[in-house]
Amino acid sequence: MDFSNMFGQLKDVQEKLKLAQEELVNVTAEADAGGGMVRATANAKKQVIKLEIDPLLCKEEDREMLQDLVIAAVNKAIAEADQKGQERLMKTTKGMMPNIPGMDFGNLG
């Protein structure tokens, strides 16, 4: 078994995964609720990047600020949930993955 070749391939896969993860900001999806009265756009990194609220739902002068506040709150909640999930996974898998210098197995998700 050629370990140097195997580790080289593993490093290549890790680099490709990192590049693919960086590109997730460019993958977007849009959805609406309330018959289109609220429309959200998110990227594949689980971030809300745009929110549109129908002017009939709130005062026009409050709408832009409300949209920004909802985006900020949702993204903060997602980031905190992701962090807690990562911590839980690391705690659960502690000692199961090898500690190889230069190889970060804890950040593949």
PDB file of N, CA and C in Angstrom:
ATOM      1  N   MET A   1       0.849  -1.178   0.000  1.00  0.00           N
ATOM      2  CA  MET A   1       0.000   0.000   0.000  1.00  0.00           C
ATOM      3  C   MET A   1       0.896   1.244   0.000  1.00  0.00           C
ATOM      4  N   ASP A   2       0.667   2.130  -0.937  1.00  0.00           N
ATOM      5  CA  ASP A   2       1.474   3.344  -1.089  1.00  0.00           C
ATOM      6  C   ASP A   2       0.811   4.491  -0.328  1.00  0.00           C
ATOM      7  N   PHE A   3       1.255   4.696   0.932  1.00  0.00           N
ATOM      8  CA  PHE A   3       0.643   5.716   1.774  1.00  0.00           C
ATOM      9  C   PHE A   3       0.891   7.124   1.252  1.00  0.00           C
ATOM     10  N   SER A   4       2.055   7.393   0.686  1.00  0.00           N
ATOM     11  CA  SER A   4       2.332   8.741   0.195  1.00  0.00           C
ATOM     12  C   SER A   4       1.388   9.094  -0.945  1.00  0.00           C
ATOM     13  N   ASN A   5       1.099   8.151  -1.828  1.00  0.00           N
ATOM     14  CA  ASN A   5       0.145   8.375  -2.920  1.00  0.00           C
ATOM     15  C   ASN A   5      -1.265   8.580  -2.360  1.00  0.00           C
ATOM     16  N   MET A   6      -1.623   7.746  -1.369  1.00  0.00           N
ATOM     17  CA  MET A   6      -2.953   7.848  -0.766  1.00  0.00           C
ATOM     18  C   MET A   6      -3.137   9.214  -0.102  1.00  0.00           C
ATOM     19  N   PHE A   7      -2.117   9.687   0.655  1.00  0.00           N
ATOM     20  CA  PHE A   7      -2.216  10.991   1.307  1.00  0.00           C
ATOM     21  C   PHE A   7      -2.228  12.118   0.283  1.00  0.00           C
ATOM     22  N   GLY A   8      -1.507  11.959  -0.822  1.00  0.00           N
ATOM     23  CA  GLY A   8      -1.531  12.953  -1.890  1.00  0.00           C
ATOM     24  C   GLY A   8      -2.915  13.067  -2.496  1.00  0.00           C
ATOM     25  N   GLN A   9      -3.565  11.930  -2.721  1.00  0.00           N
ATOM     26  CA  GLN A   9      -4.924  11.936  -3.263  1.00  0.00           C
ATOM     27  C   GLN A   9      -5.896  12.548  -2.262  1.00  0.00           C
ATOM     28  N   LEU A  10      -5.726  12.224  -0.983  1.00  0.00           N
ATOM     29  CA  LEU A  10      -6.591  12.776   0.051  1.00  0.00           C
ATOM     30  C   LEU A  10      -6.449  14.293   0.116  1.00  0.00           C
ATOM     31  N   LYS A  11      -5.226  14.781  -0.013  1.00  0.00           N
ATOM     32  CA  LYS A  11      -4.987  16.228  -0.005  1.00  0.00           C
ATOM     33  C   LYS A  11      -5.644  16.888  -1.214  1.00  0.00           C
ATOM     34  N   ASP A  12      -5.566  16.232  -2.394  1.00  0.00           N
ATOM     35  CA  ASP A  12      -6.226  16.756  -3.590  1.00  0.00           C
ATOM     36  C   ASP A  12      -7.731  16.837  -3.395  1.00  0.00           C
ATOM     37  N   VAL A  13      -8.321  15.799  -2.816  1.00  0.00           N
ATOM     38  CA  VAL A  13      -9.760  15.790  -2.561  1.00  0.00           C
ATOM     39  C   VAL A  13     -10.122  16.907  -1.596  1.00  0.00           C
ATOM     40  N   GLN A  14      -9.308  17.089  -0.558  1.00  0.00           N
ATOM     41  CA  GLN A  14      -9.578  18.135   0.423  1.00  0.00           C
ATOM     42  C   GLN A  14      -9.526  19.518  -0.237  1.00  0.00           C
ATOM     43  N   GLU A  15      -8.568  19.743  -1.120  1.00  0.00           N
ATOM     44  CA  GLU A  15      -8.460  21.030  -1.814  1.00  0.00           C
ATOM     45  C   GLU A  15      -9.663  21.256  -2.727  1.00  0.00           C
ATOM     46  N   LYS A  16     -10.109  20.204  -3.430  1.00  0.00           N
ATOM     47  CA  LYS A  16     -11.282  20.329  -4.301  1.00  0.00           C
ATOM     48  C   LYS A  16     -12.533  20.617  -3.484  1.00  0.00           C
ATOM     49  N   LEU A  17     -12.662  19.969  -2.321  1.00  0.00           N
ATOM     50  CA  LEU A  17     -13.803  20.236  -1.449  1.00  0.00           C
ATOM     51  C   LEU A  17     -13.796  21.680  -0.960  1.00  0.00           C
ATOM     52  N   LYS A  18     -12.624  22.184  -0.607  1.00  0.00           N
ATOM     53  CA  LYS A  18     -12.518  23.571  -0.140  1.00  0.00           C
ATOM     54  C   LYS A  18     -12.941  24.541  -1.237  1.00  0.00           C
ATOM     55  N   LEU A  19     -12.483  24.323  -2.463  1.00  0.00           N
ATOM     56  CA  LEU A  19     -12.869  25.189  -3.581  1.00  0.00           C
ATOM     57  C   LEU A  19     -14.368  25.111  -3.830  1.00  0.00           C
ATOM     58  N   ALA A  20     -14.924  23.896  -3.776  1.00  0.00           N
ATOM     59  CA  ALA A  20     -16.362  23.725  -3.995  1.00  0.00           C
ATOM     60  C   ALA A  20     -17.150  24.457  -2.911  1.00  0.00           C
ATOM     61  N   GLN A  21     -16.688  24.392  -1.658  1.00  0.00           N
ATOM     62  CA  GLN A  21     -17.367  25.088  -0.569  1.00  0.00           C
ATOM     63  C   GLN A  21     -17.323  26.602  -0.771  1.00  0.00           C
ATOM     64  N   GLU A  22     -16.210  27.111  -1.259  1.00  0.00           N
ATOM     65  CA  GLU A  22     -16.097  28.553  -1.497  1.00  0.00           C
ATOM     66  C   GLU A  22     -17.056  29.014  -2.588  1.00  0.00           C
ATOM     67  N   GLU A  23     -17.353  28.153  -3.538  1.00  0.00           N
ATOM     68  CA  GLU A  23     -18.255  28.493  -4.635  1.00  0.00           C
ATOM     69  C   GLU A  23     -19.727  28.461  -4.225  1.00  0.00           C
ATOM     70  N   LEU A  24     -20.037  27.917  -3.052  1.00  0.00           N
ATOM     71  CA  LEU A  24     -21.422  27.798  -2.616  1.00  0.00           C
ATOM     72  C   LEU A  24     -22.115  29.150  -2.469  1.00  0.00           C
ATOM     73  N   VAL A  25     -21.363  30.229  -2.297  1.00  0.00           N
ATOM     74  CA  VAL A  25     -21.987  31.553  -2.192  1.00  0.00           C
ATOM     75  C   VAL A  25     -22.657  31.944  -3.501  1.00  0.00           C
ATOM     76  N   ASN A  26     -22.233  31.334  -4.606  1.00  0.00           N
ATOM     77  CA  ASN A  26     -22.794  31.666  -5.920  1.00  0.00           C
ATOM     78  C   ASN A  26     -24.003  30.821  -6.289  1.00  0.00           C
ATOM     79  N   VAL A  27     -24.315  29.816  -5.481  1.00  0.00           N
ATOM     80  CA  VAL A  27     -25.485  28.971  -5.721  1.00  0.00           C
ATOM     81  C   VAL A  27     -26.623  29.549  -4.892  1.00  0.00           C
ATOM     82  N   THR A  28     -27.694  29.977  -5.556  1.00  0.00           N
ATOM     83  CA  THR A  28     -28.789  30.624  -4.826  1.00  0.00           C
ATOM     84  C   THR A  28     -30.123  29.950  -5.115  1.00  0.00           C
ATOM     85  N   ALA A  29     -31.045  30.164  -4.186  1.00  0.00           N
ATOM     86  CA  ALA A  29     -32.417  29.689  -4.335  1.00  0.00           C
ATOM     87  C   ALA A  29     -33.337  30.784  -3.805  1.00  0.00           C
ATOM     88  N   GLU A  30     -34.524  30.840  -4.369  1.00  0.00           N
ATOM     89  CA  GLU A  30     -35.498  31.851  -3.974  1.00  0.00           C
ATOM     90  C   GLU A  30     -36.805  31.163  -3.622  1.00  0.00           C
ATOM     91  N   ALA A  31     -37.464  31.659  -2.587  1.00  0.00           N
ATOM     92  CA  ALA A  31     -38.762  31.113  -2.188  1.00  0.00           C
ATOM     93  C   ALA A  31     -39.630  32.245  -1.673  1.00  0.00           C
ATOM     94  N   ASP A  32     -40.942  31.989  -1.658  1.00  0.00           N
ATOM     95  CA  ASP A  32     -41.839  33.011  -1.140  1.00  0.00           C
ATOM     96  C   ASP A  32     -42.845  32.383  -0.188  1.00  0.00           C
ATOM     97  N   ALA A  33     -43.496  33.253   0.573  1.00  0.00           N
ATOM     98  CA  ALA A  33     -44.551  32.843   1.497  1.00  0.00           C
ATOM     99  C   ALA A  33     -45.665  33.875   1.426  1.00  0.00           C
ATOM    100  N   GLY A  34     -46.820  33.467   1.869  1.00  0.00           N
ATOM    101  CA  GLY A  34     -47.952  34.390   1.882  1.00  0.00           C
ATOM    102  C   GLY A  34     -48.360  34.825   0.491  1.00  0.00           C
ATOM    103  N   GLY A  35     -48.322  33.891  -0.446  1.00  0.00           N
ATOM    104  CA  GLY A  35     -48.706  34.225  -1.810  1.00  0.00           C
ATOM    105  C   GLY A  35     -47.786  35.249  -2.446  1.00  0.00           C
ATOM    106  N   GLY A  36     -46.536  35.225  -2.062  1.00  0.00           N
ATOM    107  CA  GLY A  36     -45.552  36.140  -2.645  1.00  0.00           C
ATOM    108  C   GLY A  36     -45.373  37.431  -1.881  1.00  0.00           C
ATOM    109  N   MET A  37     -46.030  37.558  -0.738  1.00  0.00           N
ATOM    110  CA  MET A  37     -45.916  38.796   0.036  1.00  0.00           C
ATOM    111  C   MET A  37     -44.553  38.925   0.708  1.00  0.00           C
ATOM    112  N   VAL A  38     -43.904  37.778   0.952  1.00  0.00           N
ATOM    113  CA  VAL A  38     -42.545  37.780   1.484  1.00  0.00           C
ATOM    114  C   VAL A  38     -41.725  36.854   0.598  1.00  0.00           C
ATOM    115  N   ARG A  39     -40.610  37.371   0.097  1.00  0.00           N
ATOM    116  CA  ARG A  39     -39.752  36.600  -0.796  1.00  0.00           C
ATOM    117  C   ARG A  39     -38.327  36.656  -0.259  1.00  0.00           C
ATOM    118  N   ALA A  40     -37.703  35.462  -0.170  1.00  0.00           N
ATOM    119  CA  ALA A  40     -36.340  35.386   0.357  1.00  0.00           C
ATOM    120  C   ALA A  40     -35.438  34.700  -0.653  1.00  0.00           C
ATOM    121  N   THR A  41     -34.201  35.158  -0.700  1.00  0.00           N
ATOM    122  CA  THR A  41     -33.163  34.537  -1.516  1.00  0.00           C
ATOM    123  C   THR A  41     -32.040  34.134  -0.575  1.00  0.00           C
ATOM    124  N   ALA A  42     -31.583  32.889  -0.717  1.00  0.00           N
ATOM    125  CA  ALA A  42     -30.505  32.377   0.119  1.00  0.00           C
ATOM    126  C   ALA A  42     -29.453  31.733  -0.771  1.00  0.00           C
ATOM    127  N   ASN A  43     -28.241  31.641  -0.230  1.00  0.00           N
ATOM    128  CA  ASN A  43     -27.189  30.937  -0.969  1.00  0.00           C
ATOM    129  C   ASN A  43     -26.977  29.562  -0.344  1.00  0.00           C
ATOM    130  N   ALA A  44     -26.159  28.764  -0.983  1.00  0.00           N
ATOM    131  CA  ALA A  44     -25.936  27.391  -0.520  1.00  0.00           C
ATOM    132  C   ALA A  44     -25.026  27.329   0.699  1.00  0.00           C
ATOM    133  N   LYS A  45     -24.598  28.474   1.215  1.00  0.00           N
ATOM    134  CA  LYS A  45     -23.840  28.505   2.461  1.00  0.00           C
ATOM    135  C   LYS A  45     -24.780  28.808   3.630  1.00  0.00           C
ATOM    136  N   LYS A  46     -26.082  28.644   3.382  1.00  0.00           N
ATOM    137  CA  LYS A  46     -27.127  28.835   4.396  1.00  0.00           C
ATOM    138  C   LYS A  46     -27.206  30.280   4.865  1.00  0.00           C
ATOM    139  N   GLN A  47     -27.032  31.230   3.950  1.00  0.00           N
ATOM    140  CA  GLN A  47     -27.118  32.646   4.289  1.00  0.00           C
ATOM    141  C   GLN A  47     -28.254  33.273   3.488  1.00  0.00           C
ATOM    142  N   VAL A  48     -29.120  34.004   4.187  1.00  0.00           N
ATOM    143  CA  VAL A  48     -30.138  34.787   3.501  1.00  0.00           C
ATOM    144  C   VAL A  48     -29.437  36.015   2.945  1.00  0.00           C
ATOM    145  N   ILE A  49     -29.546  36.215   1.623  1.00  0.00           N
ATOM    146  CA  ILE A  49     -28.842  37.340   1.014  1.00  0.00           C
ATOM    147  C   ILE A  49     -29.789  38.439   0.545  1.00  0.00           C
ATOM    148  N   LYS A  50     -31.091  38.112   0.469  1.00  0.00           N
ATOM    149  CA  LYS A  50     -32.052  39.126   0.045  1.00  0.00           C
ATOM    150  C   LYS A  50     -33.419  38.777   0.625  1.00  0.00           C
ATOM    151  N   LEU A  51     -34.146  39.789   1.055  1.00  0.00           N
ATOM    152  CA  LEU A  51     -35.487  39.612   1.591  1.00  0.00           C
ATOM    153  C   LEU A  51     -36.354  40.750   1.086  1.00  0.00           C
ATOM    154  N   GLU A  52     -37.492  40.399   0.537  1.00  0.00           N
ATOM    155  CA  GLU A  52     -38.430  41.408   0.053  1.00  0.00           C
ATOM    156  C   GLU A  52     -39.755  41.228   0.782  1.00  0.00           C
ATOM    157  N   ILE A  53     -40.243  42.317   1.376  1.00  0.00           N
ATOM    158  CA  ILE A  53     -41.515  42.305   2.082  1.00  0.00           C
ATOM    159  C   ILE A  53     -42.474  43.225   1.333  1.00  0.00           C
ATOM    160  N   ASP A  54     -43.638  42.709   1.023  1.00  0.00           N
ATOM    161  CA  ASP A  54     -44.645  43.483   0.290  1.00  0.00           C
ATOM    162  C   ASP A  54     -44.977  44.756   1.066  1.00  0.00           C
ATOM    163  N   PRO A  55     -45.041  45.886   0.385  1.00  0.00           N
ATOM    164  CA  PRO A  55     -45.350  47.162   1.052  1.00  0.00           C
ATOM    165  C   PRO A  55     -46.672  47.157   1.816  1.00  0.00           C
ATOM    166  N   LEU A  56     -47.587  46.272   1.455  1.00  0.00           N
ATOM    167  CA  LEU A  56     -48.871  46.212   2.153  1.00  0.00           C
ATOM    168  C   LEU A  56     -48.747  45.647   3.570  1.00  0.00           C
ATOM    169  N   LEU A  57     -47.645  44.986   3.876  1.00  0.00           N
ATOM    170  CA  LEU A  57     -47.475  44.356   5.185  1.00  0.00           C
ATOM    171  C   LEU A  57     -46.938  45.291   6.261  1.00  0.00           C
ATOM    172  N   CYS A  58     -46.333  46.394   5.861  1.00  0.00           N
ATOM    173  CA  CYS A  58     -45.795  47.327   6.856  1.00  0.00           C
ATOM    174  C   CYS A  58     -45.646  48.708   6.231  1.00  0.00           C
ATOM    175  N   LYS A  59     -45.367  49.687   7.065  1.00  0.00           N
ATOM    176  CA  LYS A  59     -45.174  51.045   6.584  1.00  0.00           C
ATOM    177  C   LYS A  59     -43.966  51.092   5.654  1.00  0.00           C
ATOM    178  N   GLU A  60     -44.070  51.832   4.602  1.00  0.00           N
ATOM    179  CA  GLU A  60     -42.996  51.940   3.610  1.00  0.00           C
ATOM    180  C   GLU A  60     -41.683  52.393   4.242  1.00  0.00           C
ATOM    181  N   GLU A  61     -41.759  53.346   5.173  1.00  0.00           N
ATOM    182  CA  GLU A  61     -40.535  53.870   5.774  1.00  0.00           C
ATOM    183  C   GLU A  61     -39.858  52.855   6.704  1.00  0.00           C
ATOM    184  N   ASP A  62     -40.591  51.823   7.131  1.00  0.00           N
ATOM    185  CA  ASP A  62     -40.029  50.794   8.011  1.00  0.00           C
ATOM    186  C   ASP A  62     -39.585  49.541   7.247  1.00  0.00           C
ATOM    187  N   ARG A  63     -40.021  49.394   6.009  1.00  0.00           N
ATOM    188  CA  ARG A  63     -39.834  48.146   5.267  1.00  0.00           C
ATOM    189  C   ARG A  63     -38.364  47.786   5.056  1.00  0.00           C
ATOM    190  N   GLU A  64     -37.551  48.714   4.601  1.00  0.00           N
ATOM    191  CA  GLU A  64     -36.148  48.402   4.326  1.00  0.00           C
ATOM    192  C   GLU A  64     -35.402  48.014   5.604  1.00  0.00           C
ATOM    193  N   MET A  65     -35.655  48.758   6.684  1.00  0.00           N
ATOM    194  CA  MET A  65     -35.001  48.437   7.946  1.00  0.00           C
ATOM    195  C   MET A  65     -35.461  47.065   8.453  1.00  0.00           C
ATOM    196  N   LEU A  66     -36.751  46.774   8.345  1.00  0.00           N
ATOM    197  CA  LEU A  66     -37.281  45.474   8.769  1.00  0.00           C
ATOM    198  C   LEU A  66     -36.648  44.335   7.970  1.00  0.00           C
ATOM    199  N   GLN A  67     -36.517  44.519   6.668  1.00  0.00           N
ATOM    200  CA  GLN A  67     -35.883  43.512   5.818  1.00  0.00           C
ATOM    201  C   GLN A  67     -34.452  43.248   6.272  1.00  0.00           C
ATOM    202  N   ASP A  68     -33.687  44.313   6.517  1.00  0.00           N
ATOM    203  CA  ASP A  68     -32.296  44.183   6.960  1.00  0.00           C
ATOM    204  C   ASP A  68     -32.198  43.501   8.324  1.00  0.00           C
ATOM    205  N   LEU A  69     -33.112  43.857   9.253  1.00  0.00           N
ATOM    206  CA  LEU A  69     -33.087  43.262  10.587  1.00  0.00           C
ATOM    207  C   LEU A  69     -33.428  41.776  10.544  1.00  0.00           C
ATOM    208  N   VAL A  70     -34.391  41.400   9.716  1.00  0.00           N
ATOM    209  CA  VAL A  70     -34.759  39.983   9.601  1.00  0.00           C
ATOM    210  C   VAL A  70     -33.600  39.188   9.000  1.00  0.00           C
ATOM    211  N   ILE A  71     -32.975  39.723   7.958  1.00  0.00           N
ATOM    212  CA  ILE A  71     -31.815  39.042   7.354  1.00  0.00           C
ATOM    213  C   ILE A  71     -30.720  38.849   8.398  1.00  0.00           C
ATOM    214  N   ALA A  72     -30.405  39.891   9.145  1.00  0.00           N
ATOM    215  CA  ALA A  72     -29.345  39.808  10.156  1.00  0.00           C
ATOM    216  C   ALA A  72     -29.683  38.777  11.231  1.00  0.00           C
ATOM    217  N   ALA A  73     -30.920  38.780  11.716  1.00  0.00           N
ATOM    218  CA  ALA A  73     -31.321  37.846  12.773  1.00  0.00           C
ATOM    219  C   ALA A  73     -31.297  36.402  12.280  1.00  0.00           C
ATOM    220  N   VAL A  74     -31.815  36.154  11.096  1.00  0.00           N
ATOM    221  CA  VAL A  74     -31.845  34.795  10.558  1.00  0.00           C
ATOM    222  C   VAL A  74     -30.427  34.287  10.317  1.00  0.00           C
ATOM    223  N   ASN A  75     -29.583  35.110   9.713  1.00  0.00           N
ATOM    224  CA  ASN A  75     -28.205  34.680   9.456  1.00  0.00           C
ATOM    225  C   ASN A  75     -27.434  34.438  10.752  1.00  0.00           C
ATOM    226  N   LYS A  76     -27.680  35.241  11.769  1.00  0.00           N
ATOM    227  CA  LYS A  76     -27.022  35.043  13.055  1.00  0.00           C
ATOM    228  C   LYS A  76     -27.476  33.727  13.689  1.00  0.00           C
ATOM    229  N   ALA A  77     -28.769  33.450  13.633  1.00  0.00           N
ATOM    230  CA  ALA A  77     -29.284  32.199  14.193  1.00  0.00           C
ATOM    231  C   ALA A  77     -28.716  30.992  13.454  1.00  0.00           C
ATOM    232  N   ILE A  78     -28.632  31.070  12.136  1.00  0.00           N
ATOM    233  CA  ILE A  78     -28.073  29.967  11.342  1.00  0.00           C
ATOM    234  C   ILE A  78     -26.603  29.762  11.684  1.00  0.00           C
ATOM    235  N   ALA A  79     -25.849  30.847  11.797  1.00  0.00           N
ATOM    236  CA  ALA A  79     -24.422  30.746  12.117  1.00  0.00           C
ATOM    237  C   ALA A  79     -24.217  30.134  13.503  1.00  0.00           C
ATOM    238  N   GLU A  80     -25.020  30.554  14.471  1.00  0.00           N
ATOM    239  CA  GLU A  80     -24.893  30.002  15.822  1.00  0.00           C
ATOM    240  C   GLU A  80     -25.287  28.530  15.855  1.00  0.00           C
ATOM    241  N   ALA A  81     -26.342  28.166  15.128  1.00  0.00           N
ATOM    242  CA  ALA A  81     -26.750  26.761  15.071  1.00  0.00           C
ATOM    243  C   ALA A  81     -25.680  25.922  14.398  1.00  0.00           C
ATOM    244  N   ASP A  82     -25.064  26.450  13.350  1.00  0.00           N
ATOM    245  CA  ASP A  82     -23.990  25.743  12.660  1.00  0.00           C
ATOM    246  C   ASP A  82     -22.801  25.545  13.591  1.00  0.00           C
ATOM    247  N   GLN A  83     -22.427  26.588  14.326  1.00  0.00           N
ATOM    248  CA  GLN A  83     -21.312  26.502  15.270  1.00  0.00           C
ATOM    249  C   GLN A  83     -21.588  25.449  16.340  1.00  0.00           C
ATOM    250  N   LYS A  84     -22.793  25.477  16.901  1.00  0.00           N
ATOM    251  CA  LYS A  84     -23.148  24.499  17.932  1.00  0.00           C
ATOM    252  C   LYS A  84     -23.154  23.085  17.353  1.00  0.00           C
ATOM    253  N   GLY A  85     -23.609  22.944  16.120  1.00  0.00           N
ATOM    254  CA  GLY A  85     -23.594  21.642  15.463  1.00  0.00           C
ATOM    255  C   GLY A  85     -22.184  21.131  15.260  1.00  0.00           C
ATOM    256  N   GLN A  86     -21.276  22.015  14.828  1.00  0.00           N
ATOM    257  CA  GLN A  86     -19.874  21.643  14.646  1.00  0.00           C
ATOM    258  C   GLN A  86     -19.250  21.211  15.979  1.00  0.00           C
ATOM    259  N   GLU A  87     -19.552  21.963  17.035  1.00  0.00           N
ATOM    260  CA  GLU A  87     -19.025  21.621  18.354  1.00  0.00           C
ATOM    261  C   GLU A  87     -19.530  20.257  18.807  1.00  0.00           C
ATOM    262  N   ARG A  88     -20.806  19.981  18.552  1.00  0.00           N
ATOM    263  CA  ARG A  88     -21.379  18.694  18.934  1.00  0.00           C
ATOM    264  C   ARG A  88     -20.732  17.564  18.155  1.00  0.00           C
ATOM    265  N   LEU A  89     -20.542  17.763  16.845  1.00  0.00           N
ATOM    266  CA  LEU A  89     -19.898  16.735  16.032  1.00  0.00           C
ATOM    267  C   LEU A  89     -18.464  16.489  16.475  1.00  0.00           C
ATOM    268  N   MET A  90     -17.735  17.567  16.759  1.00  0.00           N
ATOM    269  CA  MET A  90     -16.353  17.413  17.203  1.00  0.00           C
ATOM    270  C   MET A  90     -16.289  16.664  18.533  1.00  0.00           C
ATOM    271  N   LYS A  91     -17.216  16.978  19.436  1.00  0.00           N
ATOM    272  CA  LYS A  91     -17.254  16.298  20.731  1.00  0.00           C
ATOM    273  C   LYS A  91     -17.583  14.815  20.535  1.00  0.00           C
ATOM    274  N   THR A  92     -18.523  14.529  19.649  1.00  0.00           N
ATOM    275  CA  THR A  92     -18.948  13.155  19.412  1.00  0.00           C
ATOM    276  C   THR A  92     -17.862  12.331  18.733  1.00  0.00           C
ATOM    277  N   THR A  93     -17.119  12.947  17.815  1.00  0.00           N
ATOM    278  CA  THR A  93     -16.112  12.201  17.040  1.00  0.00           C
ATOM    279  C   THR A  93     -14.699  12.366  17.589  1.00  0.00           C
ATOM    280  N   LYS A  94     -14.558  13.001  18.747  1.00  0.00           N
ATOM    281  CA  LYS A  94     -13.228  13.231  19.320  1.00  0.00           C
ATOM    282  C   LYS A  94     -12.493  11.895  19.462  1.00  0.00           C
ATOM    283  N   GLY A  95     -11.284  11.868  18.938  1.00  0.00           N
ATOM    284  CA  GLY A  95     -10.475  10.668  19.017  1.00  0.00           C
ATOM    285  C   GLY A  95     -10.737   9.648  17.929  1.00  0.00           C
ATOM    286  N   MET A  96     -11.756   9.874  17.107  1.00  0.00           N
ATOM    287  CA  MET A  96     -12.087   8.919  16.046  1.00  0.00           C
ATOM    288  C   MET A  96     -11.324   9.194  14.756  1.00  0.00           C
ATOM    289  N   MET A  97     -11.013  10.466  14.507  1.00  0.00           N
ATOM    290  CA  MET A  97     -10.307  10.842  13.283  1.00  0.00           C
ATOM    291  C   MET A  97      -8.832  11.022  13.588  1.00  0.00           C
ATOM    292  N   PRO A  98      -7.964  10.617  12.666  1.00  0.00           N
ATOM    293  CA  PRO A  98      -6.531  10.769  12.915  1.00  0.00           C
ATOM    294  C   PRO A  98      -6.123  12.242  12.901  1.00  0.00           C
ATOM    295  N   ASN A  99      -5.130  12.579  13.694  1.00  0.00           N
ATOM    296  CA  ASN A  99      -4.603  13.938  13.730  1.00  0.00           C
ATOM    297  C   ASN A  99      -3.350  13.972  12.855  1.00  0.00           C
ATOM    298  N   ILE A 100      -3.543  14.306  11.585  1.00  0.00           N
ATOM    299  CA  ILE A 100      -2.452  14.333  10.631  1.00  0.00           C
ATOM    300  C   ILE A 100      -2.108  15.789  10.349  1.00  0.00           C
ATOM    301  N   PRO A 101      -0.868  16.198  10.595  1.00  0.00           N
ATOM    302  CA  PRO A 101      -0.486  17.592  10.349  1.00  0.00           C
ATOM    303  C   PRO A 101      -0.828  18.016   8.921  1.00  0.00           C
ATOM    304  N   GLY A 102      -1.465  19.188   8.806  1.00  0.00           N
ATOM    305  CA  GLY A 102      -1.808  19.712   7.479  1.00  0.00           C
ATOM    306  C   GLY A 102      -3.148  19.234   6.963  1.00  0.00           C
ATOM    307  N   MET A 103      -3.785  18.307   7.655  1.00  0.00           N
ATOM    308  CA  MET A 103      -5.068  17.770   7.202  1.00  0.00           C
ATOM    309  C   MET A 103      -6.139  18.156   8.223  1.00  0.00           C
ATOM    310  N   ASP A 104      -7.094  18.967   7.811  1.00  0.00           N
ATOM    311  CA  ASP A 104      -8.146  19.432   8.687  1.00  0.00           C
ATOM    312  C   ASP A 104      -9.423  18.653   8.382  1.00  0.00           C
ATOM    313  N   PHE A 105      -9.652  17.561   9.092  1.00  0.00           N
ATOM    314  CA  PHE A 105     -10.846  16.750   8.873  1.00  0.00           C
ATOM    315  C   PHE A 105     -12.073  17.333   9.559  1.00  0.00           C
ATOM    316  N   GLY A 106     -11.881  18.268  10.475  1.00  0.00           N
ATOM    317  CA  GLY A 106     -12.991  18.816  11.222  1.00  0.00           C
ATOM    318  C   GLY A 106     -13.747  19.902  10.504  1.00  0.00           C
ATOM    319  N   ASN A 107     -13.304  20.322   9.325  1.00  0.00           N
ATOM    320  CA  ASN A 107     -13.941  21.433   8.639  1.00  0.00           C
ATOM    321  C   ASN A 107     -14.395  21.038   7.236  1.00  0.00           C
ATOM    322  N   LEU A 108     -14.837  19.810   7.065  1.00  0.00           N
ATOM    323  CA  LEU A 108     -15.282  19.349   5.755  1.00  0.00           C
ATOM    324  C   LEU A 108     -16.753  19.610   5.531  1.00  0.00           C
ATOM    325  N   GLY A 109     -17.519  19.971   6.533  1.00  0.00           N
ATOM    326  CA  GLY A 109     -18.950  20.125   6.363  1.00  0.00           C
ATOM    327  C   GLY A 109     -19.403  21.518   6.221  1.00  0.00           C
TER     328      GLY A 109
END
